Amino acid sequence: MSRVAGSRLLPRISALSFCTASPATAAASSSSSTAEAAAAAATASEASSTAGDPSSQPPQAARKPWGALMFASFAAVSAAVGGTGYVSYAYSLDEVDQMTRELRKKSKQPIPEDASGFERFQAMAYAAAMKVPVAAIEVYLDVRSQIEDQIRGFSEPVSDKLLPDLLPQEQHVLTLVLDLNETLVYSDWKRERGWRTFKRPGVDAFLEQLGRFYEIVVYSDQLSMYVDPVVDRLDPKGNIRHRLSRVATKYENGKHYRDLSKLNRNPAQVLYISAHAKESSLQPENCVEIKPWKLESDDTQLLDLIPFLEYVAMVRPSDIRAVLASYQSGDIAAEFIERSKEHQSSATSVKGFLIHIAVMTKTANDFTG
């Protein structure tokens, strides 16, 4: 039994001897672990001290050339951008082209065949040095030309001749240009009905009466998709000969201006009537400004202008701008009526004076006879 028990206990002891180290072995293992930890700590301490040691860093002089190069590059780019902006602001495209033409031409001159070796070298060096600046100038001119063409397409009227030529038998006819909104009509929006456009009082009689004397043109800053249907319903009799919309205006400083010089008409024979004439036209000397209409039922502005416009059409002044300049009050219709009354009164007085002279003369003749 003891042998059996001993034999059964032997494997366990042997196994235990593999799992549990002896005290000397444990001490040796502990000392080796401590040595390794100390070595690792020393290595880390040396690395940290090396990282904090200024002598271990790359010299400051090694970083200076890169910093100077970056600063020089930034300064060069800033100077180029600033110079380009100033040139674009101070000079037109034609002026820049003219100023740089000689430089570009000189950089492309061929080398003479009879030139000496030094002269050839000098010419080649100059051409190589000017290659980049000349290419930059040409790129600038090309890009600016394209940009200005695009801007001009949005800001300038669609054509330099917005109206067709007058017929030979109509060369004496004056052109009456009319604004649309708050001059002939008023557009109003309400939630329950949406947008509606109303005709100004007297607009039908105004168009029909003056259509016999003038070439009537509607010139609006609204889109054609608005102007065309409004004019179609406003003037079913066709007294308005032409209609111009936003594409025919000049866009400047955030506003659309009517440029009467693009109408293909003699400026001395053009009148522009608008509720905002002075602030919507580039030619204020051709303007007749009236009160803006905002659905007032007792408005008579258009009807009041008919006598003045009829008189101008019949008199046919050589320059309508001189006639408009003679009215200083701002209300041309009212001032014209006052002038007409004064003229009629003076004419009546002259006529009465002449009749009185004739009567006195006849009485004197009868007395002497």
Protein backbone atom coordinates (compact mmCIF):
# COMPACT_ATOMS: atom_id res chain seq x y z
CA MET A 1 0.00 0.00 0.00
CA SER A 2 2.79 2.41 0.84
CA ARG A 3 4.46 1.71 -2.43
CA VAL A 4 1.29 2.22 -4.31
CA ALA A 5 0.63 5.43 -2.47
CA GLY A 6 4.16 6.53 -3.03
CA SER A 7 3.96 5.73 -6.67
CA ARG A 8 0.72 7.71 -6.94
CA LEU A 9 2.22 10.72 -5.17
CA LEU A 10 5.39 10.74 -7.22
CA PRO A 11 3.96 12.18 -10.44
CA ARG A 12 2.27 14.97 -8.55
CA ILE A 13 5.50 15.92 -6.84
CA SER A 14 7.37 15.72 -10.08
CA ALA A 15 4.75 17.86 -11.76
CA LEU A 16 4.91 20.29 -8.92
CA SER A 17 8.59 20.53 -9.29
CA PHE A 18 8.13 21.73 -12.86
CA CYS A 19 5.61 24.39 -11.88
CA THR A 20 7.13 25.76 -8.73
CA ALA A 21 10.69 27.13 -8.83
CA SER A 22 13.11 26.72 -6.02
CA PRO A 23 13.95 29.79 -3.82
CA ALA A 24 17.34 30.22 -5.47
CA THR A 25 15.81 30.09 -8.92
CA ALA A 26 13.09 32.56 -7.95
CA ALA A 27 15.67 34.93 -6.53
CA ALA A 28 17.77 34.69 -9.69
CA SER A 29 14.72 35.25 -11.85
CA SER A 30 13.67 38.23 -9.75
CA SER A 31 17.11 39.78 -9.96
CA SER A 32 17.24 39.35 -13.73
CA SER A 33 13.81 40.94 -14.08
CA THR A 34 14.91 43.83 -11.94
CA ALA A 35 18.02 44.27 -14.05
CA GLU A 36 16.00 44.29 -17.25
CA ALA A 37 13.57 46.87 -15.83
CA ALA A 38 16.47 49.01 -14.68
CA ALA A 39 18.04 48.77 -18.12
CA ALA A 40 14.74 49.76 -19.79
CA ALA A 41 14.33 52.66 -17.40
CA ALA A 42 17.87 53.79 -18.10
CA THR A 43 17.25 53.58 -21.83
CA ALA A 44 14.04 55.60 -21.53
CA SER A 45 15.79 58.14 -19.32
CA GLU A 46 18.60 58.45 -21.83
CA ALA A 47 16.13 58.86 -24.67
CA SER A 48 14.21 61.53 -22.80
CA SER A 49 17.37 63.35 -21.89
CA THR A 50 18.50 63.12 -25.48
CA ALA A 51 15.17 64.53 -26.67
CA GLY A 52 15.40 67.42 -24.25
CA ASP A 53 19.02 68.14 -24.99
CA PRO A 54 19.25 71.16 -27.36
CA SER A 55 22.57 69.84 -28.63
CA SER A 56 20.84 66.78 -30.04
CA GLN A 57 18.38 68.87 -32.17
CA PRO A 58 19.23 69.81 -35.79
CA PRO A 59 20.98 73.14 -35.91
CA GLN A 60 18.80 76.26 -36.23
CA ALA A 61 20.73 77.37 -39.26
CA ALA A 62 19.50 74.29 -41.14
CA ARG A 63 15.87 75.52 -40.87
CA LYS A 64 16.56 79.14 -41.81
CA PRO A 65 16.97 78.64 -45.57
CA TRP A 66 13.57 76.91 -45.80
CA GLY A 67 11.88 79.66 -43.80
CA ALA A 68 13.50 82.35 -45.93
CA LEU A 69 12.47 80.53 -49.10
CA MET A 70 8.84 80.24 -47.93
CA PHE A 71 8.76 83.92 -46.97
CA ALA A 72 10.25 84.92 -50.32
CA SER A 73 7.71 82.78 -52.19
CA PHE A 74 4.81 84.25 -50.20
CA ALA A 75 6.11 87.78 -50.79
CA ALA A 76 6.48 87.13 -54.53
CA VAL A 77 2.95 85.72 -54.85
CA SER A 78 1.50 88.60 -52.80
CA ALA A 79 3.35 91.15 -54.94
CA ALA A 80 2.14 89.47 -58.14
CA VAL A 81 -1.48 89.37 -56.97
CA GLY A 82 -1.34 92.96 -55.74
CA GLY A 83 0.29 94.19 -58.94
CA THR A 84 -2.26 92.35 -61.08
CA GLY A 85 -5.12 93.84 -59.07
CA TYR A 86 -3.74 97.36 -59.35
CA VAL A 87 -3.14 97.04 -63.10
CA SER A 88 -6.68 95.67 -63.59
CA TYR A 89 -8.11 98.58 -61.61
CA ALA A 90 -5.98 101.41 -63.01
CA TYR A 91 -5.68 100.45 -66.69
CA SER A 92 -8.01 99.14 -69.33
CA LEU A 93 -7.25 96.02 -71.33
CA ASP A 94 -6.21 98.04 -74.39
CA GLU A 95 -3.85 100.19 -72.29
CA VAL A 96 -2.15 97.13 -70.77
CA ASP A 97 -1.83 95.57 -74.22
CA GLN A 98 -0.28 98.73 -75.60
CA MET A 99 2.15 99.16 -72.69
CA THR A 100 3.43 95.58 -72.89
CA ARG A 101 3.43 95.22 -76.67
CA GLU A 102 7.00 96.43 -77.10
CA LEU A 103 8.28 94.14 -74.36
CA ARG A 104 6.58 91.09 -75.87
CA LYS A 105 7.76 91.98 -79.34
CA LYS A 106 11.35 92.48 -78.21
CA SER A 107 11.48 89.10 -76.45
CA LYS A 108 10.54 87.33 -79.69
CA GLN A 109 12.99 89.08 -82.01
CA PRO A 110 15.19 86.66 -83.98
CA ILE A 111 18.94 86.70 -83.41
CA PRO A 112 20.77 88.37 -86.32
CA GLU A 113 22.96 86.02 -88.35
CA ASP A 114 25.92 88.38 -88.28
CA ALA A 115 25.82 88.72 -84.48
CA SER A 116 28.93 87.83 -82.52
CA GLY A 117 29.07 84.96 -80.10
CA PHE A 118 28.69 87.25 -77.10
CA GLU A 119 25.72 89.01 -78.68
CA ARG A 120 24.11 85.67 -79.45
CA PHE A 121 24.62 84.55 -75.88
CA GLN A 122 23.25 87.84 -74.57
CA ALA A 123 20.16 87.60 -76.81
CA MET A 124 19.52 83.99 -75.80
CA ALA A 125 19.93 84.83 -72.12
CA TYR A 126 17.50 87.76 -72.43
CA ALA A 127 14.95 85.63 -74.28
CA ALA A 128 15.21 82.90 -71.65
CA ALA A 129 14.89 85.40 -68.80
CA MET A 130 11.84 87.10 -70.37
CA LYS A 131 10.09 83.89 -71.39
CA VAL A 132 8.17 83.45 -68.13
CA PRO A 133 7.14 87.14 -67.68
CA VAL A 134 6.01 87.41 -71.31
CA ALA A 135 4.02 84.18 -71.01
CA ALA A 136 2.43 85.48 -67.80
CA ILE A 137 1.47 88.76 -69.51
CA GLU A 138 -0.10 86.93 -72.44
CA VAL A 139 -2.05 84.64 -70.11
CA TYR A 140 -3.22 87.70 -68.14
CA LEU A 141 -4.39 89.48 -71.30
CA ASP A 142 -6.21 86.40 -72.55
CA VAL A 143 -7.93 85.66 -69.23
CA ARG A 144 -8.91 89.29 -68.66
CA SER A 145 -10.31 89.55 -72.17
CA GLN A 146 -12.50 86.48 -71.62
CA ILE A 147 -13.69 87.71 -68.22
CA GLU A 148 -14.55 91.16 -69.55
CA ASP A 149 -16.44 89.60 -72.45
CA GLN A 150 -18.49 87.54 -70.00
CA ILE A 151 -19.18 90.54 -67.77
CA ARG A 152 -20.09 92.69 -70.75
CA GLY A 153 -22.62 90.08 -71.80
CA PHE A 154 -24.45 90.55 -68.48
CA SER A 155 -23.93 94.28 -67.89
CA GLU A 156 -24.28 95.80 -71.38
CA PRO A 157 -27.41 95.94 -73.55
CA VAL A 158 -27.83 92.99 -75.85
CA SER A 159 -27.15 95.18 -78.90
CA ASP A 160 -25.83 98.61 -79.82
CA LYS A 161 -28.94 99.07 -81.96
CA LEU A 162 -31.93 98.05 -79.88
CA LEU A 163 -34.48 99.29 -82.42
CA PRO A 164 -34.63 98.80 -86.20
CA ASP A 165 -33.93 101.73 -88.51
CA LEU A 166 -36.72 104.23 -89.04
CA LEU A 167 -38.34 104.29 -92.44
CA PRO A 168 -37.28 107.23 -94.63
CA GLN A 169 -40.74 108.81 -94.44
CA GLU A 170 -40.64 108.65 -90.61
CA GLN A 171 -37.29 110.34 -89.99
CA HIS A 172 -39.07 113.37 -88.50
CA VAL A 173 -41.14 111.31 -86.03
CA LEU A 174 -40.23 111.66 -82.36
CA THR A 175 -39.67 108.57 -80.21
CA LEU A 176 -41.67 108.34 -76.96
CA VAL A 177 -40.10 105.85 -74.55
CA LEU A 178 -42.31 104.70 -71.68
CA ASP A 179 -41.48 102.81 -68.52
CA LEU A 180 -43.90 100.08 -67.45
CA ASN A 181 -44.16 99.56 -63.68
CA GLU A 182 -45.77 102.43 -61.73
CA THR A 183 -45.90 104.42 -64.98
CA LEU A 184 -48.43 102.59 -67.17
CA VAL A 185 -49.37 99.71 -64.85
CA TYR A 186 -49.02 98.55 -61.26
CA SER A 187 -48.48 94.94 -60.20
CA ASP A 188 -49.83 93.92 -56.81
CA TRP A 189 -49.79 90.63 -54.89
CA LYS A 190 -52.23 89.41 -52.28
CA ARG A 191 -52.37 86.04 -50.65
CA GLU A 192 -55.97 85.29 -51.58
CA ARG A 193 -55.55 86.06 -55.31
CA GLY A 194 -51.82 86.12 -56.05
CA TRP A 195 -50.36 88.59 -58.58
CA ARG A 196 -52.56 91.01 -60.51
CA THR A 197 -51.61 93.86 -62.85
CA PHE A 198 -53.74 97.02 -63.02
CA LYS A 199 -53.87 99.68 -65.74
CA ARG A 200 -53.24 103.28 -64.79
CA PRO A 201 -56.23 105.62 -65.28
CA GLY A 202 -56.17 107.21 -68.71
CA VAL A 203 -53.58 104.82 -70.18
CA ASP A 204 -55.86 103.73 -73.04
CA ALA A 205 -56.57 107.30 -74.18
CA PHE A 206 -52.91 108.21 -73.69
CA LEU A 207 -51.63 105.45 -75.98
CA GLU A 208 -54.33 105.88 -78.60
CA GLN A 209 -53.94 109.65 -78.80
CA LEU A 210 -50.13 109.79 -78.84
CA GLY A 211 -49.72 106.74 -81.06
CA ARG A 212 -50.70 109.01 -83.98
CA PHE A 213 -47.82 111.40 -83.32
CA TYR A 214 -45.00 109.31 -81.84
CA GLU A 215 -43.11 106.09 -82.21
CA ILE A 216 -44.02 104.56 -78.83
CA VAL A 217 -41.55 102.19 -77.17
CA VAL A 218 -41.94 100.40 -73.82
CA TYR A 219 -38.56 100.08 -72.09
CA SER A 220 -38.69 98.03 -68.87
CA ASP A 221 -36.13 96.51 -66.52
CA GLN A 222 -38.34 93.44 -66.07
CA LEU A 223 -37.84 90.12 -67.85
CA SER A 224 -39.47 89.60 -71.23
CA MET A 225 -41.61 86.81 -69.76
CA TYR A 226 -43.34 89.55 -67.75
CA VAL A 227 -43.19 92.45 -70.23
CA ASP A 228 -44.62 90.67 -73.28
CA PRO A 229 -47.91 89.39 -71.81
CA VAL A 230 -48.51 92.66 -69.94
CA VAL A 231 -48.01 94.77 -73.09
CA ASP A 232 -50.17 92.38 -75.13
CA ARG A 233 -53.10 92.92 -72.78
CA LEU A 234 -52.34 96.60 -72.18
CA ASP A 235 -52.28 97.58 -75.86
CA PRO A 236 -54.47 95.30 -78.00
CA LYS A 237 -54.65 98.00 -80.74
CA GLY A 238 -50.89 97.97 -81.31
CA ASN A 239 -50.06 101.59 -80.53
CA ILE A 240 -46.83 100.41 -78.88
CA ARG A 241 -44.46 99.64 -81.74
CA HIS A 242 -41.56 98.13 -79.80
CA ARG A 243 -40.96 96.61 -76.39
CA LEU A 244 -37.60 96.27 -74.63
CA SER A 245 -36.95 94.21 -71.51
CA ARG A 246 -34.10 93.64 -69.04
CA VAL A 247 -31.63 92.29 -71.61
CA ALA A 248 -31.70 95.74 -73.25
CA THR A 249 -30.68 97.57 -70.06
CA LYS A 250 -27.23 98.41 -68.73
CA TYR A 251 -26.39 96.81 -65.37
CA GLU A 252 -24.29 99.12 -63.23
CA ASN A 253 -23.81 99.40 -59.45
CA GLY A 254 -26.53 96.87 -58.77
CA LYS A 255 -29.21 98.58 -60.90
CA HIS A 256 -30.61 98.21 -64.42
CA TYR A 257 -30.44 101.50 -66.35
CA ARG A 258 -32.12 102.44 -69.62
CA ASP A 259 -29.44 103.52 -72.07
CA LEU A 260 -31.23 105.72 -74.60
CA SER A 261 -28.05 106.06 -76.65
CA LYS A 262 -28.48 102.42 -77.74
CA LEU A 263 -31.93 102.93 -79.26
CA ASN A 264 -30.62 103.65 -82.78
CA ARG A 265 -32.45 106.99 -82.67
CA ASN A 266 -31.39 110.63 -82.73
CA PRO A 267 -31.01 111.60 -79.02
CA ALA A 268 -32.49 115.03 -79.83
CA GLN A 269 -35.77 113.32 -80.78
CA VAL A 270 -36.23 110.97 -77.82
CA LEU A 271 -38.40 111.51 -74.72
CA TYR A 272 -38.38 109.10 -71.80
CA ILE A 273 -41.37 109.15 -69.41
CA SER A 274 -41.15 107.23 -66.16
CA ALA A 275 -42.15 107.41 -62.53
CA HIS A 276 -38.45 106.94 -61.75
CA ALA A 277 -36.96 108.62 -64.81
CA LYS A 278 -33.96 110.38 -63.27
CA GLU A 279 -32.78 107.31 -61.38
CA SER A 280 -33.43 104.72 -64.09
CA SER A 281 -31.94 106.41 -67.17
CA LEU A 282 -28.37 107.25 -68.16
CA GLN A 283 -29.62 110.33 -70.07
CA PRO A 284 -31.50 112.53 -67.56
CA GLU A 285 -31.67 115.37 -70.09
CA ASN A 286 -34.22 113.30 -72.07
CA CYS A 287 -36.40 112.47 -69.08
CA VAL A 288 -39.91 113.50 -68.08
CA GLU A 289 -40.62 112.32 -64.56
CA ILE A 290 -44.18 111.82 -63.33
CA LYS A 291 -45.68 110.75 -60.05
CA PRO A 292 -45.52 106.98 -59.36
CA TRP A 293 -48.94 105.32 -59.55
CA LYS A 294 -49.91 102.93 -56.76
CA LEU A 295 -53.59 102.28 -57.43
CA GLU A 296 -54.85 105.82 -56.77
CA SER A 297 -58.25 106.08 -58.46
CA ASP A 298 -58.10 109.86 -58.98
CA ASP A 299 -54.76 109.86 -60.83
CA THR A 300 -54.61 112.06 -63.98
CA GLN A 301 -50.86 112.19 -64.67
CA LEU A 302 -51.02 110.58 -68.12
CA LEU A 303 -54.01 112.62 -69.26
CA ASP A 304 -52.36 115.84 -68.06
CA LEU A 305 -49.31 115.16 -70.23
CA ILE A 306 -51.25 114.75 -73.48
CA PRO A 307 -51.49 118.51 -74.34
CA PHE A 308 -47.76 119.06 -73.83
CA LEU A 309 -46.79 116.00 -75.87
CA GLU A 310 -49.18 116.91 -78.67
CA TYR A 311 -47.75 120.43 -78.80
CA VAL A 312 -44.18 119.10 -78.99
CA ALA A 313 -45.11 116.67 -81.76
CA MET A 314 -46.72 119.44 -83.82
CA VAL A 315 -43.95 122.00 -83.26
CA ARG A 316 -41.16 119.44 -83.91
CA PRO A 317 -38.31 121.19 -82.09
CA SER A 318 -34.81 120.55 -83.39
CA ASP A 319 -33.71 119.32 -79.95
CA ILE A 320 -36.27 118.14 -77.42
CA ARG A 321 -33.65 118.30 -74.66
CA ALA A 322 -33.59 122.11 -74.83
CA VAL A 323 -37.37 122.18 -74.47
CA LEU A 324 -37.29 119.92 -71.42
CA ALA A 325 -34.49 121.97 -69.86
CA SER A 326 -36.67 125.10 -70.03
CA TYR A 327 -39.17 123.56 -67.59
CA GLN A 328 -37.68 124.07 -64.13
CA SER A 329 -40.62 123.26 -61.84
CA GLY A 330 -40.45 119.49 -62.32
CA ASP A 331 -44.16 119.23 -63.14
CA ILE A 332 -44.07 119.77 -66.88
CA ALA A 333 -47.79 119.21 -67.42
CA ALA A 334 -48.83 121.86 -64.88
CA GLU A 335 -46.18 124.33 -66.02
CA PHE A 336 -47.21 123.87 -69.65
CA ILE A 337 -50.82 124.69 -68.77
CA GLU A 338 -49.72 127.83 -66.91
CA ARG A 339 -47.61 128.92 -69.86
CA SER A 340 -50.51 128.28 -72.22
CA LYS A 341 -52.79 130.45 -70.08
CA GLU A 342 -50.24 133.23 -69.95
CA HIS A 343 -49.73 133.04 -73.70
CA GLN A 344 -53.47 133.08 -74.31
CA SER A 345 -53.91 136.01 -71.95
CA SER A 346 -51.13 137.98 -73.60
CA ALA A 347 -52.50 137.12 -77.04
CA THR A 348 -55.93 138.30 -75.97
CA SER A 349 -54.42 141.52 -74.64
CA VAL A 350 -52.51 142.13 -77.85
CA LYS A 351 -55.59 141.37 -79.87
CA GLY A 352 -57.67 143.76 -77.75
CA PHE A 353 -55.00 146.42 -78.03
CA LEU A 354 -54.90 146.07 -81.81
CA ILE A 355 -58.70 146.27 -81.99
CA HIS A 356 -58.61 149.38 -79.79
CA ILE A 357 -55.99 150.99 -82.05
CA ALA A 358 -58.08 150.16 -85.11
CA VAL A 359 -61.22 151.67 -83.57
CA MET A 360 -59.38 154.82 -82.52
CA THR A 361 -57.88 155.17 -85.97
CA LYS A 362 -61.28 154.77 -87.62
CA THR A 363 -62.81 157.32 -85.21
CA ALA A 364 -60.03 159.80 -85.96
CA ASN A 365 -60.51 159.34 -89.69
CA ASP A 366 -64.23 159.86 -89.38
CA PHE A 367 -63.70 163.00 -87.32
CA THR A 368 -61.27 164.54 -89.79
CA GLY A 369 -63.42 163.58 -92.71
